[in-house]
């Protein structure tokens, strides 16, 4: 009989009987850890041991991501709760992860952290589900969205890796407030929505934290997006 108890940031396993010998997890690849987690119905003790190692490997990075993107809104204690809930959700949903893909260890780590970040983002969305929302776009951005673009006939598609590289470089050149506003508003981005919105409570907390009105936040966001687009387009032209 095995009991699984979660307290704070630690997963405890109390076992009255230990029948199965499992291999150490220290040197296991991330995907192998998730595979063992997914096999929890047949060997729960091995699955929880794999979870503990997975937690220790990725906890610090996920905490940094959540504090950077959501610390303004949640505070340290709630970020801790979100990170903890994220790892517990990852354990229960391990079988949904594509751990059979063949890739190098560093790529596995990036995919695992992207998966954890997506889980955390969904948990945040659930916290604010049903609450009053406000637009994050200012009037000029809405006008730009609603005006059909005239695309050049010879326009070539930008390779995704190159666009991401330039976006990261351009983002680093934004001011601290611009970066904070983009992180905050993008946390609630919905790709299928033309006019992006965020919970009013989140907007009000962001306004308090950076001492800017919601209207100014919309303008800062619009200006930051324009600066990013300009940086990407200009640097793509330089490399052609």
C-alpha atoms as a PDB file:
ATOM      1  CA  UNK A   1       0.000   0.000   0.000  1.00  0.00           C
ATOM      2  CA  UNK A   2       1.359   3.424  -1.005  1.00  0.00           C
ATOM      3  CA  UNK A   3       0.085   6.842   0.016  1.00  0.00           C
ATOM      4  CA  UNK A   4       1.021   9.993  -1.896  1.00  0.00           C
ATOM      5  CA  UNK A   5       1.013  13.251   0.058  1.00  0.00           C
ATOM      6  CA  UNK A   6       1.815  16.733  -1.249  1.00  0.00           C
ATOM      7  CA  UNK A   7       2.932  19.345   1.266  1.00  0.00           C
ATOM      8  CA  UNK A   8       4.283  22.701   0.168  1.00  0.00           C
ATOM      9  CA  UNK A   9       6.755  22.075  -2.630  1.00  0.00           C
ATOM     10  CA  UNK A  10       7.556  18.478  -1.677  1.00  0.00           C
ATOM     11  CA  UNK A  11       5.952  15.236  -2.721  1.00  0.00           C
ATOM     12  CA  UNK A  12       6.107  12.607   0.017  1.00  0.00           C
ATOM     13  CA  UNK A  13       5.630   8.888  -0.475  1.00  0.00           C
ATOM     14  CA  UNK A  14       4.719   6.774   2.530  1.00  0.00           C
ATOM     15  CA  UNK A  15       4.930   3.071   1.762  1.00  0.00           C
ATOM     16  CA  UNK A  16       4.190   0.216   4.133  1.00  0.00           C
ATOM     17  CA  UNK A  17       5.537  -2.300   1.635  1.00  0.00           C
ATOM     18  CA  UNK A  18       8.165  -1.904  -1.076  1.00  0.00           C
ATOM     19  CA  UNK A  19       8.145  -4.614  -3.708  1.00  0.00           C
ATOM     20  CA  UNK A  20       9.625  -3.022  -6.824  1.00  0.00           C
ATOM     21  CA  UNK A  21      13.244  -2.086  -7.415  1.00  0.00           C
ATOM     22  CA  UNK A  22      13.495   0.872  -9.811  1.00  0.00           C
ATOM     23  CA  UNK A  23      16.506   2.317 -11.583  1.00  0.00           C
ATOM     24  CA  UNK A  24      17.851   5.682 -10.328  1.00  0.00           C
ATOM     25  CA  UNK A  25      16.373   8.701 -12.129  1.00  0.00           C
ATOM     26  CA  UNK A  26      19.370  11.044 -11.812  1.00  0.00           C
ATOM     27  CA  UNK A  27      20.692  10.393 -15.306  1.00  0.00           C
ATOM     28  CA  UNK A  28      17.390   9.734 -17.065  1.00  0.00           C
ATOM     29  CA  UNK A  29      16.400  11.958 -19.981  1.00  0.00           C
ATOM     30  CA  UNK A  30      13.413  14.250 -19.489  1.00  0.00           C
ATOM     31  CA  UNK A  31      11.233  12.270 -21.878  1.00  0.00           C
ATOM     32  CA  UNK A  32      12.087   9.050 -20.036  1.00  0.00           C
ATOM     33  CA  UNK A  33      11.043  10.679 -16.765  1.00  0.00           C
ATOM     34  CA  UNK A  34       7.715  11.680 -18.287  1.00  0.00           C
ATOM     35  CA  UNK A  35       7.290   8.197 -19.747  1.00  0.00           C
ATOM     36  CA  UNK A  36       7.774   6.754 -16.272  1.00  0.00           C
ATOM     37  CA  UNK A  37       5.334   9.325 -14.849  1.00  0.00           C
ATOM     38  CA  UNK A  38       2.785   8.328 -17.497  1.00  0.00           C
ATOM     39  CA  UNK A  39       3.119   4.703 -16.391  1.00  0.00           C
ATOM     40  CA  UNK A  40       1.817   5.558 -12.900  1.00  0.00           C
ATOM     41  CA  UNK A  41      -1.028   3.033 -13.011  1.00  0.00           C
ATOM     42  CA  UNK A  42       1.376   0.094 -13.239  1.00  0.00           C
ATOM     43  CA  UNK A  43       4.165   1.455 -10.998  1.00  0.00           C
ATOM     44  CA  UNK A  44       3.110   4.450  -8.920  1.00  0.00           C
ATOM     45  CA  UNK A  45       6.249   4.501  -6.781  1.00  0.00           C
ATOM     46  CA  UNK A  46       8.535   4.688  -9.832  1.00  0.00           C
ATOM     47  CA  UNK A  47       6.285   7.366 -11.347  1.00  0.00           C
ATOM     48  CA  UNK A  48       6.444   9.586  -8.276  1.00  0.00           C
ATOM     49  CA  UNK A  49      10.205   9.178  -8.023  1.00  0.00           C
ATOM     50  CA  UNK A  50      10.496  10.289 -11.650  1.00  0.00           C
ATOM     51  CA  UNK A  51       8.188  13.236 -10.857  1.00  0.00           C
ATOM     52  CA  UNK A  52      10.458  14.336  -7.997  1.00  0.00           C
ATOM     53  CA  UNK A  53      13.497  14.436 -10.310  1.00  0.00           C
ATOM     54  CA  UNK A  54      11.498  16.196 -13.024  1.00  0.00           C
ATOM     55  CA  UNK A  55      10.373  18.770 -10.439  1.00  0.00           C
ATOM     56  CA  UNK A  56      13.911  19.446  -9.226  1.00  0.00           C
ATOM     57  CA  UNK A  57      15.224  19.878 -12.781  1.00  0.00           C
ATOM     58  CA  UNK A  58      12.627  22.372 -13.949  1.00  0.00           C
ATOM     59  CA  UNK A  59      11.244  24.085 -10.843  1.00  0.00           C
ATOM     60  CA  UNK A  60      13.726  26.981 -10.814  1.00  0.00           C
ATOM     61  CA  UNK A  61      13.214  27.827 -14.497  1.00  0.00           C
ATOM     62  CA  UNK A  62       9.418  27.632 -14.291  1.00  0.00           C
ATOM     63  CA  UNK A  63       9.458  29.806 -11.160  1.00  0.00           C
ATOM     64  CA  UNK A  64      11.537  32.403 -13.014  1.00  0.00           C
ATOM     65  CA  UNK A  65       9.173  32.345 -16.008  1.00  0.00           C
ATOM     66  CA  UNK A  66       6.075  32.719 -13.845  1.00  0.00           C
ATOM     67  CA  UNK A  67       7.561  35.482 -11.710  1.00  0.00           C
ATOM     68  CA  UNK A  68       8.675  37.392 -14.817  1.00  0.00           C
ATOM     69  CA  UNK A  69       5.324  37.063 -16.585  1.00  0.00           C
ATOM     70  CA  UNK A  70       2.853  36.941 -13.696  1.00  0.00           C
ATOM     71  CA  UNK A  71       4.595  38.226 -10.577  1.00  0.00           C
ATOM     72  CA  UNK A  72       3.027  41.665 -11.067  1.00  0.00           C
ATOM     73  CA  UNK A  73      -0.423  40.087 -10.906  1.00  0.00           C
ATOM     74  CA  UNK A  74      -0.170  37.251  -8.410  1.00  0.00           C
ATOM     75  CA  UNK A  75       2.646  38.008  -5.996  1.00  0.00           C
ATOM     76  CA  UNK A  76       5.224  35.542  -4.680  1.00  0.00           C
ATOM     77  CA  UNK A  77       2.847  33.307  -2.688  1.00  0.00           C
ATOM     78  CA  UNK A  78       0.339  32.825  -5.508  1.00  0.00           C
ATOM     79  CA  UNK A  79       3.118  32.249  -8.038  1.00  0.00           C
ATOM     80  CA  UNK A  80       4.420  29.495  -5.750  1.00  0.00           C
ATOM     81  CA  UNK A  81       0.938  27.958  -5.734  1.00  0.00           C
ATOM     82  CA  UNK A  82       0.657  28.130  -9.525  1.00  0.00           C
ATOM     83  CA  UNK A  83       4.060  26.505 -10.003  1.00  0.00           C
ATOM     84  CA  UNK A  84       3.185  23.744  -7.536  1.00  0.00           C
ATOM     85  CA  UNK A  85      -0.178  23.131  -9.207  1.00  0.00           C
ATOM     86  CA  UNK A  86       1.547  23.075 -12.591  1.00  0.00           C
ATOM     87  CA  UNK A  87       3.842  20.216 -11.599  1.00  0.00           C
ATOM     88  CA  UNK A  88       0.963  18.280 -10.054  1.00  0.00           C
ATOM     89  CA  UNK A  89      -1.045  18.773 -13.250  1.00  0.00           C
ATOM     90  CA  UNK A  90       1.960  17.639 -15.296  1.00  0.00           C
ATOM     91  CA  UNK A  91       2.070  14.431 -13.251  1.00  0.00           C
ATOM     92  CA  UNK A  92      -1.613  13.691 -13.764  1.00  0.00           C
ATOM     93  CA  UNK A  93      -1.425  14.507 -17.493  1.00  0.00           C
ATOM     94  CA  UNK A  94       1.953  12.942 -18.278  1.00  0.00           C
ATOM     95  CA  UNK A  95       0.392  10.428 -20.654  1.00  0.00           C
ATOM     96  CA  UNK A  96      -0.743  13.299 -22.933  1.00  0.00           C
ATOM     97  CA  UNK A  97       2.852  14.432 -23.552  1.00  0.00           C
ATOM     98  CA  UNK A  98       4.619  13.130 -26.670  1.00  0.00           C
ATOM     99  CA  UNK A  99       7.575  11.556 -24.869  1.00  0.00           C
ATOM    100  CA  UNK A 100       8.234   9.099 -27.714  1.00  0.00           C
ATOM    101  CA  UNK A 101       9.729  11.790 -29.937  1.00  0.00           C
ATOM    102  CA  UNK A 102      13.456  11.351 -30.566  1.00  0.00           C
ATOM    103  CA  UNK A 103      15.516  14.494 -29.882  1.00  0.00           C
ATOM    104  CA  UNK A 104      18.600  15.731 -28.041  1.00  0.00           C
ATOM    105  CA  UNK A 105      18.609  16.394 -24.291  1.00  0.00           C
ATOM    106  CA  UNK A 106      18.631  20.196 -24.654  1.00  0.00           C
ATOM    107  CA  UNK A 107      15.649  20.086 -27.009  1.00  0.00           C
ATOM    108  CA  UNK A 108      13.836  17.778 -24.606  1.00  0.00           C
ATOM    109  CA  UNK A 109      14.405  20.294 -21.808  1.00  0.00           C
ATOM    110  CA  UNK A 110      13.021  23.156 -23.925  1.00  0.00           C
ATOM    111  CA  UNK A 111       9.949  21.146 -24.916  1.00  0.00           C
ATOM    112  CA  UNK A 112       9.304  20.156 -21.303  1.00  0.00           C
ATOM    113  CA  UNK A 113       9.564  23.747 -20.093  1.00  0.00           C
ATOM    114  CA  UNK A 114       7.290  24.969 -22.879  1.00  0.00           C
ATOM    115  CA  UNK A 115       4.778  22.294 -21.823  1.00  0.00           C
ATOM    116  CA  UNK A 116       4.988  23.371 -18.178  1.00  0.00           C
ATOM    117  CA  UNK A 117       4.625  27.038 -19.125  1.00  0.00           C
ATOM    118  CA  UNK A 118       1.506  26.232 -21.166  1.00  0.00           C
ATOM    119  CA  UNK A 119      -0.003  24.373 -18.196  1.00  0.00           C
ATOM    120  CA  UNK A 120       0.747  27.321 -15.901  1.00  0.00           C
ATOM    121  CA  UNK A 121      -0.816  29.752 -18.382  1.00  0.00           C
ATOM    122  CA  UNK A 122      -3.996  27.671 -18.528  1.00  0.00           C
ATOM    123  CA  UNK A 123      -4.170  27.579 -14.736  1.00  0.00           C
ATOM    124  CA  UNK A 124      -3.965  31.382 -14.672  1.00  0.00           C
ATOM    125  CA  UNK A 125      -6.701  31.651 -17.285  1.00  0.00           C
ATOM    126  CA  UNK A 126      -8.881  29.375 -15.158  1.00  0.00           C
ATOM    127  CA  UNK A 127      -8.393  31.675 -12.159  1.00  0.00           C
ATOM    128  CA  UNK A 128      -9.840  34.621 -14.085  1.00  0.00           C
ATOM    129  CA  UNK A 129     -12.432  32.741 -16.112  1.00  0.00           C
ATOM    130  CA  UNK A 130     -15.819  34.434 -16.041  1.00  0.00           C
ATOM    131  CA  UNK A 131     -14.495  37.756 -14.750  1.00  0.00           C
ATOM    132  CA  UNK A 132     -15.101  41.112 -16.445  1.00  0.00           C
ATOM    133  CA  UNK A 133     -12.633  41.694 -19.287  1.00  0.00           C
ATOM    134  CA  UNK A 134     -11.259  44.870 -20.868  1.00  0.00           C
ATOM    135  CA  UNK A 135      -9.619  45.531 -24.218  1.00  0.00           C
ATOM    136  CA  UNK A 136      -5.821  45.714 -24.344  1.00  0.00           C
ATOM    137  CA  UNK A 137      -5.726  47.449 -27.753  1.00  0.00           C
ATOM    138  CA  UNK A 138      -5.857  51.213 -28.151  1.00  0.00           C
ATOM    139  CA  UNK A 139      -7.897  52.992 -30.833  1.00  0.00           C
ATOM    140  CA  UNK A 140      -5.077  53.229 -33.388  1.00  0.00           C
ATOM    141  CA  UNK A 141      -4.332  49.511 -33.062  1.00  0.00           C
ATOM    142  CA  UNK A 142      -8.013  48.602 -33.494  1.00  0.00           C
ATOM    143  CA  UNK A 143      -8.160  50.793 -36.603  1.00  0.00           C
ATOM    144  CA  UNK A 144      -5.053  49.093 -37.976  1.00  0.00           C
ATOM    145  CA  UNK A 145      -6.536  45.638 -37.325  1.00  0.00           C
ATOM    146  CA  UNK A 146      -9.805  46.501 -39.031  1.00  0.00           C
ATOM    147  CA  UNK A 147      -8.072  47.956 -42.119  1.00  0.00           C
ATOM    148  CA  UNK A 148      -7.309  45.202 -44.679  1.00  0.00           C
ATOM    149  CA  UNK A 149      -3.608  44.946 -45.502  1.00  0.00           C
ATOM    150  CA  UNK A 150      -2.380  45.166 -49.077  1.00  0.00           C
ATOM    151  CA  UNK A 151       0.217  42.408 -49.327  1.00  0.00           C
ATOM    152  CA  UNK A 152       2.870  42.634 -51.963  1.00  0.00           C
ATOM    153  CA  UNK A 153       2.617  39.963 -54.650  1.00  0.00           C
ATOM    154  CA  UNK A 154       6.285  39.015 -54.311  1.00  0.00           C
ATOM    155  CA  UNK A 155       6.281  38.969 -50.500  1.00  0.00           C
ATOM    156  CA  UNK A 156       8.113  35.903 -49.241  1.00  0.00           C
ATOM    157  CA  UNK A 157       7.291  34.053 -46.062  1.00  0.00           C
ATOM    158  CA  UNK A 158       9.697  34.696 -43.187  1.00  0.00           C
ATOM    159  CA  UNK A 159      11.229  31.501 -41.744  1.00  0.00           C
ATOM    160  CA  UNK A 160       9.843  31.017 -38.225  1.00  0.00           C
ATOM    161  CA  UNK A 161      13.241  30.466 -36.495  1.00  0.00           C
ATOM    162  CA  UNK A 162      14.559  33.703 -37.999  1.00  0.00           C
ATOM    163  CA  UNK A 163      11.466  35.671 -36.972  1.00  0.00           C
ATOM    164  CA  UNK A 164      11.706  34.343 -33.415  1.00  0.00           C
ATOM    165  CA  UNK A 165      15.405  35.234 -33.232  1.00  0.00           C
ATOM    166  CA  UNK A 166      14.719  38.800 -34.332  1.00  0.00           C
ATOM    167  CA  UNK A 167      11.716  39.109 -32.010  1.00  0.00           C
ATOM    168  CA  UNK A 168      13.899  38.123 -29.044  1.00  0.00           C
ATOM    169  CA  UNK A 169      16.556  40.651 -30.041  1.00  0.00           C
ATOM    170  CA  UNK A 170      13.949  43.355 -30.563  1.00  0.00           C
ATOM    171  CA  UNK A 171      12.210  42.557 -27.273  1.00  0.00           C
ATOM    172  CA  UNK A 172      15.509  42.999 -25.413  1.00  0.00           C
ATOM    173  CA  UNK A 173      15.740  46.559 -26.756  1.00  0.00           C
ATOM    174  CA  UNK A 174      12.361  47.600 -25.373  1.00  0.00           C
ATOM    175  CA  UNK A 175      12.162  49.558 -22.138  1.00  0.00           C
ATOM    176  CA  UNK A 176      11.473  47.713 -18.882  1.00  0.00           C
ATOM    177  CA  UNK A 177       7.897  49.039 -18.766  1.00  0.00           C
ATOM    178  CA  UNK A 178       7.281  48.031 -22.399  1.00  0.00           C
ATOM    179  CA  UNK A 179       8.560  44.517 -21.673  1.00  0.00           C
ATOM    180  CA  UNK A 180       6.384  44.267 -18.554  1.00  0.00           C
ATOM    181  CA  UNK A 181       3.273  45.396 -20.430  1.00  0.00           C
ATOM    182  CA  UNK A 182       3.861  42.963 -23.298  1.00  0.00           C
ATOM    183  CA  UNK A 183       4.488  40.042 -20.948  1.00  0.00           C
ATOM    184  CA  UNK A 184       1.378  40.877 -18.938  1.00  0.00           C
ATOM    185  CA  UNK A 185      -0.978  41.309 -21.871  1.00  0.00           C
ATOM    186  CA  UNK A 186       0.414  38.343 -23.816  1.00  0.00           C
ATOM    187  CA  UNK A 187      -0.343  36.083 -20.852  1.00  0.00           C
ATOM    188  CA  UNK A 188      -3.987  36.386 -21.895  1.00  0.00           C
ATOM    189  CA  UNK A 189      -3.424  36.268 -25.648  1.00  0.00           C
ATOM    190  CA  UNK A 190      -6.003  34.273 -27.604  1.00  0.00           C
ATOM    191  CA  UNK A 191      -4.963  33.512 -31.155  1.00  0.00           C
ATOM    192  CA  UNK A 192      -8.518  33.101 -32.425  1.00  0.00           C
ATOM    193  CA  UNK A 193      -9.576  36.564 -31.201  1.00  0.00           C
ATOM    194  CA  UNK A 194      -9.058  39.644 -33.366  1.00  0.00           C
ATOM    195  CA  UNK A 195      -9.504  42.104 -30.475  1.00  0.00           C
ATOM    196  CA  UNK A 196      -7.387  40.967 -27.545  1.00  0.00           C
ATOM    197  CA  UNK A 197      -8.730  41.355 -24.002  1.00  0.00           C
ATOM    198  CA  UNK A 198      -7.576  40.628 -20.454  1.00  0.00           C
ATOM    199  CA  UNK A 199      -9.360  40.380 -17.084  1.00  0.00           C
ATOM    200  CA  UNK A 200     -10.171  43.795 -15.643  1.00  0.00           C
ATOM    201  CA  UNK A 201      -8.640  42.718 -12.297  1.00  0.00           C
ATOM    202  CA  UNK A 202      -5.369  41.923 -14.070  1.00  0.00           C
ATOM    203  CA  UNK A 203      -5.388  45.249 -15.898  1.00  0.00           C
ATOM    204  CA  UNK A 204      -6.052  47.153 -12.670  1.00  0.00           C
ATOM    205  CA  UNK A 205      -3.235  45.346 -10.852  1.00  0.00           C
ATOM    206  CA  UNK A 206      -0.831  45.999 -13.735  1.00  0.00           C
ATOM    207  CA  UNK A 207      -1.888  49.661 -13.657  1.00  0.00           C
ATOM    208  CA  UNK A 208      -1.126  49.830  -9.939  1.00  0.00           C
ATOM    209  CA  UNK A 209       2.221  48.084 -10.248  1.00  0.00           C
ATOM    210  CA  UNK A 210       3.667  50.297 -13.001  1.00  0.00           C
ATOM    211  CA  UNK A 211       1.737  53.436 -12.044  1.00  0.00           C
ATOM    212  CA  UNK A 212       0.153  53.877 -15.468  1.00  0.00           C
ATOM    213  CA  UNK A 213      -3.521  54.239 -16.362  1.00  0.00           C
ATOM    214  CA  UNK A 214      -5.171  51.464 -18.406  1.00  0.00           C
ATOM    215  CA  UNK A 215      -5.359  53.853 -21.358  1.00  0.00           C
ATOM    216  CA  UNK A 216      -1.614  54.542 -21.121  1.00  0.00           C
ATOM    217  CA  UNK A 217      -0.963  50.808 -20.848  1.00  0.00           C
ATOM    218  CA  UNK A 218      -2.810  50.285 -24.133  1.00  0.00           C
ATOM    219  CA  UNK A 219      -0.692  52.973 -25.779  1.00  0.00           C
ATOM    220  CA  UNK A 220       2.528  51.499 -24.365  1.00  0.00           C
ATOM    221  CA  UNK A 221       1.533  48.074 -25.695  1.00  0.00           C
ATOM    222  CA  UNK A 222       0.720  49.451 -29.147  1.00  0.00           C
ATOM    223  CA  UNK A 223       4.001  51.387 -29.286  1.00  0.00           C
ATOM    224  CA  UNK A 224       6.011  48.336 -28.194  1.00  0.00           C
ATOM    225  CA  UNK A 225       4.390  46.156 -30.862  1.00  0.00           C
ATOM    226  CA  UNK A 226       5.167  48.796 -33.512  1.00  0.00           C
ATOM    227  CA  UNK A 227       8.791  48.919 -32.375  1.00  0.00           C
ATOM    228  CA  UNK A 228       9.081  45.127 -32.559  1.00  0.00           C
ATOM    229  CA  UNK A 229       7.558  44.985 -36.028  1.00  0.00           C
ATOM    230  CA  UNK A 230       9.873  47.748 -37.240  1.00  0.00           C
ATOM    231  CA  UNK A 231      12.950  46.032 -35.793  1.00  0.00           C
ATOM    232  CA  UNK A 232      12.079  42.693 -37.385  1.00  0.00           C
ATOM    233  CA  UNK A 233      11.277  44.178 -40.803  1.00  0.00           C
ATOM    234  CA  UNK A 234      14.371  46.394 -40.932  1.00  0.00           C
ATOM    235  CA  UNK A 235      16.735  43.593 -39.920  1.00  0.00           C
ATOM    236  CA  UNK A 236      15.189  41.169 -42.381  1.00  0.00           C
ATOM    237  CA  UNK A 237      15.818  43.688 -45.172  1.00  0.00           C
ATOM    238  CA  UNK A 238      19.445  44.091 -44.039  1.00  0.00           C
ATOM    239  CA  UNK A 239      20.007  40.338 -44.273  1.00  0.00           C
ATOM    240  CA  UNK A 240      18.487  39.942 -47.735  1.00  0.00           C
END
